[in-house]
Protein backbone atom coordinates (compact mmCIF):
# COMPACT_ATOMS: atom_id res chain seq x y z
CA MET A 1 -0.07 -0.02 -0.05
CA VAL A 2 1.06 3.62 -0.50
CA LEU A 3 -0.02 6.92 1.26
CA VAL A 4 0.26 10.11 -0.75
CA ILE A 5 0.35 13.43 1.40
CA ASP A 6 -0.58 16.30 -0.88
CA PRO A 7 0.41 19.77 0.44
CA GLN A 8 1.12 21.27 -2.93
CA ILE A 9 -1.66 23.78 -2.75
CA ALA A 10 -2.58 24.63 0.94
CA GLY A 11 0.65 23.43 2.69
CA ILE A 12 0.59 21.44 5.79
CA SER A 13 0.24 22.13 9.61
CA GLY A 14 0.25 19.66 12.48
CA ASP A 15 -3.57 19.94 13.03
CA MET A 16 -4.25 19.58 9.30
CA LEU A 17 -2.35 16.25 9.13
CA LEU A 18 -3.95 14.91 12.21
CA SER A 19 -7.58 15.92 10.79
CA SER A 20 -6.87 14.31 7.48
CA LEU A 21 -5.85 11.14 9.28
CA VAL A 22 -9.18 11.21 11.19
CA ASP A 23 -11.06 11.96 8.17
CA ILE A 24 -9.67 9.02 6.29
CA GLY A 25 -10.99 6.58 8.87
CA VAL A 26 -9.15 6.52 12.14
CA ASN A 27 -10.68 5.49 15.43
CA LYS A 28 -11.64 9.04 16.61
CA SER A 29 -12.17 8.10 20.15
CA LYS A 30 -8.84 6.31 20.39
CA VAL A 31 -7.08 9.54 19.36
CA ILE A 32 -9.10 11.74 21.84
CA ASP A 33 -8.61 9.30 24.69
CA GLY A 34 -4.88 9.02 24.14
CA LEU A 35 -4.41 12.80 23.97
CA HIS A 36 -5.93 13.46 27.27
CA SER A 37 -2.90 11.83 28.80
CA VAL A 38 -0.80 14.65 27.65
CA GLU A 39 -2.05 16.84 30.38
CA GLU A 40 -0.09 14.66 33.04
CA TYR A 41 3.22 15.45 31.62
CA LEU A 42 2.73 19.14 30.74
CA LYS A 43 2.23 21.07 33.86
CA GLY A 44 0.15 24.37 33.48
CA SER A 45 -1.67 23.09 30.45
CA LYS A 46 -5.18 21.81 30.45
CA ILE A 47 -7.43 20.41 27.62
CA ILE A 48 -10.91 22.12 27.95
CA LYS A 49 -12.34 20.73 24.79
CA LEU A 50 -11.11 18.34 22.18
CA ASP A 51 -12.99 17.02 19.25
CA PHE A 52 -13.24 16.70 15.49
CA ASP A 53 -16.05 18.06 13.31
CA LYS A 54 -17.02 18.57 9.77
CA VAL A 55 -16.42 22.03 8.06
CA VAL A 56 -16.62 23.07 4.27
CA LYS A 57 -13.59 24.90 2.96
CA HIS A 58 -14.21 26.70 -0.37
CA GLY A 59 -16.60 23.86 -1.51
CA THR A 60 -14.59 21.02 -0.04
CA GLN A 61 -15.86 19.11 2.98
CA ALA A 62 -13.05 18.21 5.48
CA THR A 63 -12.48 17.34 9.02
CA HIS A 64 -11.37 19.98 11.52
CA LEU A 65 -9.75 19.85 14.84
CA VAL A 66 -11.71 21.65 17.60
CA LEU A 67 -9.33 22.36 20.45
CA GLU A 68 -9.76 24.63 23.63
CA THR A 69 -6.98 24.66 26.05
CA SER A 70 -6.05 26.58 29.15
CA GLU A 71 -2.26 27.45 29.81
CA ASP A 72 -0.50 29.11 32.54
CA VAL A 73 2.85 29.64 30.83
CA HIS A 74 3.73 31.89 27.96
CA GLU A 75 6.75 29.97 26.87
CA ARG A 76 8.59 26.69 27.62
CA LYS A 77 12.00 25.04 27.03
CA GLY A 78 11.93 22.79 24.02
CA ILE A 79 13.21 19.99 26.15
CA GLU A 80 10.02 20.07 28.30
CA ILE A 81 7.88 19.53 25.21
CA GLN A 82 10.28 16.79 24.09
CA GLU A 83 9.98 15.00 27.45
CA CYS A 84 6.24 15.32 27.55
CA ILE A 85 6.03 13.65 24.02
CA LEU A 86 8.37 10.81 25.09
CA SER A 87 6.55 10.15 28.34
CA THR A 88 3.10 10.26 26.72
CA SER A 89 4.38 7.85 23.88
CA ASP A 90 5.38 5.34 26.64
CA LYS A 91 2.28 5.65 28.64
CA ILE A 92 -0.33 5.10 25.82
CA GLY A 93 1.55 2.23 24.25
CA LEU A 94 2.53 3.60 20.88
CA SER A 95 4.36 1.21 18.59
CA GLU A 96 8.13 1.49 18.21
CA LYS A 97 7.79 3.11 14.80
CA ALA A 98 5.19 5.58 16.18
CA LYS A 99 7.44 6.42 19.10
CA VAL A 100 10.28 7.11 16.70
CA PHE A 101 8.16 9.43 14.46
CA ALA A 102 7.00 11.32 17.50
CA LYS A 103 10.49 11.69 18.93
CA GLU A 104 12.11 12.71 15.66
CA SER A 105 9.35 15.19 14.87
CA ILE A 106 10.07 17.26 18.03
CA ARG A 107 13.81 16.87 17.49
CA SER A 108 13.50 18.29 13.97
CA LEU A 109 11.74 21.35 15.66
CA LEU A 110 14.45 21.46 18.35
CA HIS A 111 17.40 21.34 15.95
CA ALA A 112 16.05 23.92 13.75
CA GLU A 113 15.46 26.45 16.49
CA SER A 114 19.02 25.59 17.97
CA LYS A 115 20.61 26.09 14.56
CA ILE A 116 18.80 29.36 13.89
CA HIS A 117 19.57 30.96 17.30
CA GLY A 118 22.89 29.45 17.84
CA GLU A 119 21.83 27.94 21.15
CA PRO A 120 22.40 24.47 22.60
CA LEU A 121 19.41 22.19 22.45
CA GLU A 122 18.89 22.45 26.20
CA SER A 123 18.51 26.15 26.05
CA VAL A 124 15.99 26.35 23.14
CA HIS A 125 12.78 27.97 24.06
CA PHE A 126 9.52 27.59 22.12
CA HIS A 127 7.22 30.57 21.91
CA GLU A 128 4.67 29.91 19.20
CA ALA A 129 5.27 26.11 19.59
CA SER A 130 5.22 26.35 23.29
CA SER A 131 1.59 25.39 23.99
CA ILE A 132 0.00 21.90 24.29
CA ASP A 133 -1.11 22.33 20.62
CA THR A 134 2.30 21.07 19.41
CA VAL A 135 2.10 17.99 21.51
CA ILE A 136 -1.35 17.24 20.51
CA ASP A 137 -0.55 17.45 16.77
CA ILE A 138 2.50 15.11 17.10
CA ILE A 139 1.04 12.56 19.57
CA GLY A 140 -2.36 12.66 17.94
CA SER A 141 -0.96 11.91 14.50
CA ALA A 142 1.26 9.16 15.88
CA ILE A 143 -1.89 7.45 17.41
CA ALA A 144 -3.77 7.83 14.06
CA LEU A 145 -0.86 6.46 12.02
CA ASP A 146 -0.57 3.55 14.34
CA ASP A 147 -4.41 2.84 14.29
CA LEU A 148 -4.40 2.95 10.53
CA LYS A 149 -1.20 0.82 10.31
CA LEU A 150 0.31 3.38 7.88
CA PHE A 151 3.90 3.00 9.20
CA SER A 152 4.01 -0.20 7.27
CA ASP A 153 3.13 1.63 3.97
CA GLU A 154 5.22 3.62 1.56
CA ILE A 155 4.58 7.36 2.37
CA ILE A 156 4.98 9.78 -0.45
CA SER A 157 4.72 13.65 -0.32
CA SER A 158 4.25 16.00 -3.16
CA PRO A 159 6.25 19.38 -3.19
CA VAL A 160 5.00 21.62 -0.23
CA ALA A 161 3.40 24.91 -0.70
CA VAL A 162 4.90 27.27 1.87
CA GLY A 163 3.14 30.50 0.85
CA GLY A 164 4.91 33.95 0.55
CA GLY A 165 4.85 37.38 1.83
CA SER A 166 5.88 38.11 5.44
CA LEU A 167 4.82 37.04 8.83
CA THR A 168 5.26 38.47 12.35
CA PHE A 169 5.86 36.44 15.54
CA SER A 170 7.87 36.65 18.80
CA HIS A 171 11.22 37.55 16.88
CA GLY A 172 9.67 40.32 14.79
CA THR A 173 8.67 40.44 11.06
CA VAL A 174 10.42 37.98 8.75
CA SER A 175 9.93 36.94 5.11
CA ASN A 176 7.95 33.79 4.62
CA PRO A 177 8.95 30.97 4.69
CA ALA A 178 10.58 31.54 8.07
CA SER A 179 13.98 30.28 8.86
CA ALA A 180 12.63 27.33 10.97
CA ILE A 181 10.74 26.12 7.92
CA LEU A 182 13.77 26.45 5.63
CA GLU A 183 16.01 24.65 8.24
CA ILE A 184 13.64 21.71 8.64
CA PHE A 185 13.35 21.10 5.03
CA ARG A 186 17.06 21.61 4.18
CA SER A 187 18.02 18.40 5.88
CA SER A 188 15.30 16.36 3.90
CA ASP A 189 14.54 15.38 0.25
CA VAL A 190 11.09 17.06 0.38
CA ALA A 191 10.79 20.00 -2.11
CA ILE A 192 9.08 23.31 -1.41
CA CYS A 193 7.37 25.75 -3.65
CA GLY A 194 6.08 29.25 -2.94
CA GLY A 195 2.48 30.51 -3.28
CA PRO A 196 -0.26 30.56 -4.10
CA VAL A 197 -0.88 33.37 -1.54
CA LYS A 198 1.12 35.70 0.52
CA GLU A 199 0.46 33.82 3.78
CA GLU A 200 2.13 31.27 5.89
CA LEU A 201 0.69 28.02 4.63
CA THR A 202 3.23 25.44 6.22
CA THR A 203 3.94 25.62 9.92
CA PRO A 204 7.19 24.29 11.58
CA THR A 205 5.27 21.59 13.43
CA GLY A 206 3.66 20.45 10.04
CA ALA A 207 7.08 20.67 8.28
CA SER A 208 8.75 18.51 11.00
CA MET A 209 6.16 15.83 10.97
CA LEU A 210 6.17 15.58 7.14
CA VAL A 211 9.92 15.16 6.82
CA ASN A 212 9.78 12.39 9.34
CA LEU A 213 7.09 10.61 7.57
CA ALA A 214 7.81 10.90 3.83
CA ASP A 215 9.94 8.19 2.30
CA ARG A 216 10.29 10.25 -0.81
CA CYS A 217 9.01 13.31 -2.69
CA LEU A 218 7.37 13.20 -6.06
CA GLU A 219 6.11 15.82 -8.46
CA PHE A 220 3.39 13.53 -9.61
CA TYR A 221 1.08 10.92 -8.00
CA PRO A 222 2.41 7.40 -8.46
CA THR A 223 0.45 4.73 -10.32
CA MET A 224 -2.07 3.54 -7.79
CA LYS A 225 -5.55 2.20 -7.32
CA ILE A 226 -7.30 4.52 -4.86
CA LYS A 227 -8.68 3.08 -1.73
CA SER A 228 -9.63 6.09 0.61
CA ILE A 229 -9.12 9.83 0.70
CA GLY A 230 -8.87 12.12 3.75
CA TYR A 231 -9.20 15.96 3.92
CA GLY A 232 -7.83 17.92 6.92
CA ALA A 233 -8.91 21.59 7.24
CA GLY A 234 -6.68 24.48 8.35
CA ASN A 235 -7.98 27.33 10.44
CA LYS A 236 -7.51 29.90 7.70
CA ASN A 237 -9.78 30.70 4.79
CA PHE A 238 -8.50 31.75 1.45
CA GLU A 239 -10.05 33.08 -1.85
CA GLY A 240 -9.48 30.76 -4.68
CA PHE A 241 -8.74 27.38 -3.03
CA PRO A 242 -9.71 25.26 -0.08
CA ASN A 243 -7.27 25.40 2.96
CA VAL A 244 -7.26 21.55 3.09
CA LEU A 245 -4.58 18.91 3.29
CA LYS A 246 -5.37 15.94 1.17
CA ILE A 247 -4.12 12.45 1.83
CA VAL A 248 -4.73 9.59 -0.43
CA LYS A 249 -4.35 5.95 0.48
CA GLY A 250 -4.09 3.35 -2.33
CA GLU A 251 -2.61 0.15 -3.70
CA SER A 252 0.28 0.42 -6.14
CA THR A 253 -0.50 -1.08 -9.48
CA ASN A 254 3.07 -0.89 -10.82
CA GLU A 255 5.78 -3.29 -9.95
CA PHE A 256 8.20 -0.45 -10.63
CA GLN A 257 9.01 2.46 -8.36
CA LEU A 258 8.55 6.10 -9.56
CA ASP A 259 10.93 8.74 -8.40
CA THR A 260 12.31 12.06 -9.46
CA VAL A 261 15.81 12.93 -10.23
CA GLN A 262 17.94 16.00 -11.31
CA ILE A 263 19.72 15.92 -14.71
CA LEU A 264 22.68 18.23 -14.85
CA GLU A 265 24.41 18.97 -18.16
CA THR A 266 27.20 20.97 -19.52
CA ASN A 267 29.34 21.14 -22.63
CA LEU A 268 33.20 20.98 -22.25
CA ASP A 269 35.29 21.93 -25.35
CA ASP A 270 38.63 22.94 -23.78
CA VAL A 271 39.46 20.37 -21.17
CA SER A 272 41.88 17.28 -21.24
CA GLY A 273 40.80 13.59 -21.07
CA GLU A 274 42.61 13.29 -17.72
CA THR A 275 40.44 16.23 -16.42
CA VAL A 276 37.25 14.52 -17.55
CA GLY A 277 38.43 11.26 -15.98
CA HIS A 278 39.10 12.94 -12.75
CA MET A 279 35.78 14.79 -12.80
CA ILE A 280 33.74 11.60 -13.21
CA ASP A 281 35.48 9.84 -10.24
CA LYS A 282 34.86 12.91 -8.13
CA LEU A 283 31.24 13.33 -9.13
CA ILE A 284 30.47 9.66 -8.42
CA ALA A 285 32.30 9.90 -5.01
CA ASN A 286 30.00 12.83 -4.02
CA GLY A 287 26.73 11.27 -4.82
CA ALA A 288 26.07 11.27 -8.60
CA LYS A 289 24.08 8.21 -9.63
CA ASP A 290 25.64 8.13 -13.09
CA VAL A 291 27.71 10.30 -15.24
CA THR A 292 27.88 10.11 -19.08
CA VAL A 293 30.33 11.84 -21.39
CA THR A 294 29.32 12.01 -25.15
CA ALA A 295 31.42 13.32 -27.85
CA GLY A 296 29.80 15.83 -30.33
CA ILE A 297 30.22 18.80 -32.44
CA THR A 298 28.91 22.40 -31.58
CA LYS A 299 28.96 25.77 -33.44
CA LYS A 300 31.71 26.48 -35.85
CA GLY A 301 32.49 22.72 -35.94
CA ARG A 302 34.06 22.75 -32.49
CA PRO A 303 34.40 19.23 -31.00
CA THR A 304 32.78 19.05 -27.49
CA ASN A 305 32.06 16.63 -24.69
CA LEU A 306 28.45 16.68 -23.42
CA VAL A 307 28.54 15.76 -19.70
CA SER A 308 25.20 14.52 -18.31
CA ILE A 309 24.77 13.69 -14.62
CA ILE A 310 21.85 11.93 -12.85
CA CYS A 311 21.55 12.70 -9.16
CA GLU A 312 19.27 13.24 -6.31
CA PRO A 313 18.00 16.81 -5.73
CA CYS A 314 19.76 17.02 -2.33
CA VAL A 315 23.22 16.89 -3.94
CA THR A 316 22.52 19.12 -6.99
CA ASN A 317 24.40 22.14 -5.54
CA SER A 318 27.43 20.20 -4.40
CA LEU A 319 27.81 18.46 -7.82
CA ILE A 320 27.45 21.75 -9.66
CA GLY A 321 30.26 23.04 -7.53
CA ILE A 322 32.45 20.21 -8.53
CA LEU A 323 31.64 20.66 -12.06
CA VAL A 324 32.58 24.26 -12.08
CA SER A 325 35.85 23.90 -9.93
CA GLU A 326 37.13 20.80 -11.86
CA THR A 327 36.42 21.86 -15.40
CA GLY A 328 35.96 25.74 -15.39
CA THR A 329 32.59 25.43 -17.21
CA LEU A 330 30.69 28.70 -17.27
CA GLY A 331 27.08 27.22 -17.03
CA VAL A 332 25.10 24.12 -16.00
CA ARG A 333 21.68 23.20 -17.39
CA ILE A 334 19.28 21.61 -14.73
CA ARG A 335 16.04 19.73 -15.32
CA SER A 336 13.85 17.33 -13.21
CA SER A 337 13.00 13.99 -14.58
CA SER A 338 10.63 11.40 -13.42
CA ARG A 339 11.84 7.74 -13.82
CA TYR A 340 10.63 4.17 -13.10
CA VAL A 341 13.12 2.07 -11.42
CA VAL A 342 12.99 -1.60 -10.81
CA PRO A 343 12.93 -2.27 -6.99
CA ARG A 344 16.17 -4.02 -5.94
CA ILE A 345 17.88 -4.92 -2.60
CA ILE A 346 21.59 -5.41 -1.91
CA VAL A 347 22.66 -8.39 0.20
CA SER A 348 26.00 -9.75 1.22
CA VAL A 349 26.72 -13.36 0.11
CA PRO A 350 29.43 -15.53 1.59
CA ILE A 351 31.13 -17.44 -1.03
CA ILE A 352 34.00 -19.98 -1.53
CA ILE A 353 36.35 -19.61 -4.43
CA GLN A 354 39.22 -22.10 -4.93
CA GLY A 355 38.97 -23.03 -1.23
CA LYS A 356 39.07 -19.41 -0.02
CA ASN A 357 36.27 -17.58 1.84
CA PHE A 358 35.02 -14.20 0.50
CA THR A 359 31.89 -12.10 0.70
CA VAL A 360 30.34 -10.27 -2.11
CA ARG A 361 27.54 -7.64 -2.51
CA CYS A 362 24.80 -8.57 -4.79
CA LYS A 363 22.09 -6.34 -6.20
CA ILE A 364 19.04 -8.58 -6.37
CA VAL A 365 15.63 -8.07 -8.14
CA LYS A 366 12.74 -10.12 -7.06
CA HIS A 367 9.31 -10.90 -8.51
CA GLU A 368 6.81 -12.58 -6.13
CA GLU A 369 9.66 -13.53 -3.77
CA THR A 370 11.57 -15.23 -6.73
CA ILE A 371 14.90 -14.00 -7.59
CA LYS A 372 14.81 -12.90 -11.30
CA HIS A 373 18.10 -11.23 -11.66
CA PHE A 374 21.32 -10.54 -9.62
CA LYS A 375 24.57 -8.52 -10.29
CA VAL A 376 27.68 -8.76 -8.15
CA GLU A 377 29.41 -5.35 -7.36
CA SER A 378 32.29 -5.11 -9.79
CA ASP A 379 34.69 -3.83 -7.08
CA ASP A 380 34.26 -7.06 -5.14
CA VAL A 381 34.96 -8.97 -8.37
CA LYS A 382 38.18 -7.00 -8.89
CA LEU A 383 39.42 -7.65 -5.30
CA ILE A 384 38.83 -11.38 -5.61
CA ALA A 385 40.39 -11.50 -9.12
CA ASP A 386 43.55 -9.79 -7.77
CA SER A 387 43.51 -12.14 -4.76
CA LEU A 388 43.45 -15.15 -6.91
CA SER A 389 45.45 -13.86 -9.83
CA LEU A 390 42.60 -14.57 -12.23
CA SER A 391 41.08 -12.55 -15.13
CA PHE A 392 38.06 -10.33 -14.20
CA LYS A 393 35.86 -12.48 -16.65
CA ALA A 394 36.99 -15.91 -15.10
CA THR A 395 36.39 -14.51 -11.61
CA SER A 396 32.99 -13.25 -12.52
CA ASP A 397 31.95 -16.39 -13.95
CA LEU A 398 33.10 -18.43 -10.82
CA ILE A 399 31.44 -15.89 -8.55
CA ALA A 400 28.14 -16.14 -10.38
CA ASP A 401 28.01 -19.79 -10.15
CA GLU A 402 28.73 -19.73 -6.45
CA VAL A 403 26.09 -17.08 -5.74
CA LYS A 404 23.58 -19.02 -7.71
CA ARG A 405 24.25 -22.10 -5.54
CA ARG A 406 24.22 -20.04 -2.31
CA LEU A 407 20.82 -18.15 -3.16
CA ASN A 408 19.38 -21.29 -4.86
CA ILE A 409 18.89 -19.50 -8.20
CA LYS A 410 17.88 -21.91 -11.03
């Protein structure tokens, strides 16, 4: 199964995620009962009213969190919020995966604030995120995800709308997205986009929960058969679109995995072969998935090398830096590309060749639990070939026969 979290229009907040999970079919009473345990570990905070109701946002019916609280404190140390979340997680019996999600969500918030203000974690104070609301969003979502057994599904996010303009909070007026939002997303593979309004659409709590849920970020929905849809309403109302987070649960209908990669390209017409060879090695060592160099002819009959690099979005900037510093190129073209990849796993296989013990890494492709294809890492073949003073081809054949025997491949 696959779950798509779709914040590309209205962004995401903690209460929107929680409400969308309730809307998709969670046991609402289980969430509410579990959340009342929070009061025990957050002194000075009390839940007066906690419920979920139906609202209509710009023509879309959605579930909305109804929350009234009483608090005696203006701000709290982030560590207090973290301890409340950890203690509540233990008391209500969350699964290990749910506990990790809750713990890492609040840690993402803490680390972002620590980085921005240059303070150690234990000194970070929460202002806007100081209230019981933050704990309710994180713990409530953890309960709901557990109840729906979504931690065992693949979770995909679309790019996140963060809004625009400016916002005013305890530290003054800043441009939107605020530094905390940027810092949270900086350490993830989740992409952000501005607009469609000059308002804050994504909150730090929502961002922290999303980056600790999403396995990957895709521009388009994967191929899937839709099973259920949930809509979680935010508090604001906007002209032109519903302030609603949409989540979609479905069954994948494709044996391949869809992801998005960056393609970097540049033309080199004045560098040596040695420079190109060194550039390839350095790009691969720094995260490039593949590097292709193609000879060609450009304007005025000049010979050129077209360099094409496939990489994850998170390493794009560092690879561009390497291209510029190693080759002196004056420009790099960038585009995003969706691709289907065959799911594979890497396993270590112990083998015996000519009476000696080795371990090789194999990429394995399975279909319905049957191994359809495997490939041994070439570096391992080289090491064994050198050790046995055999040719690469002869060693590769011997290893393949042994791997087939060990893995019972016919």
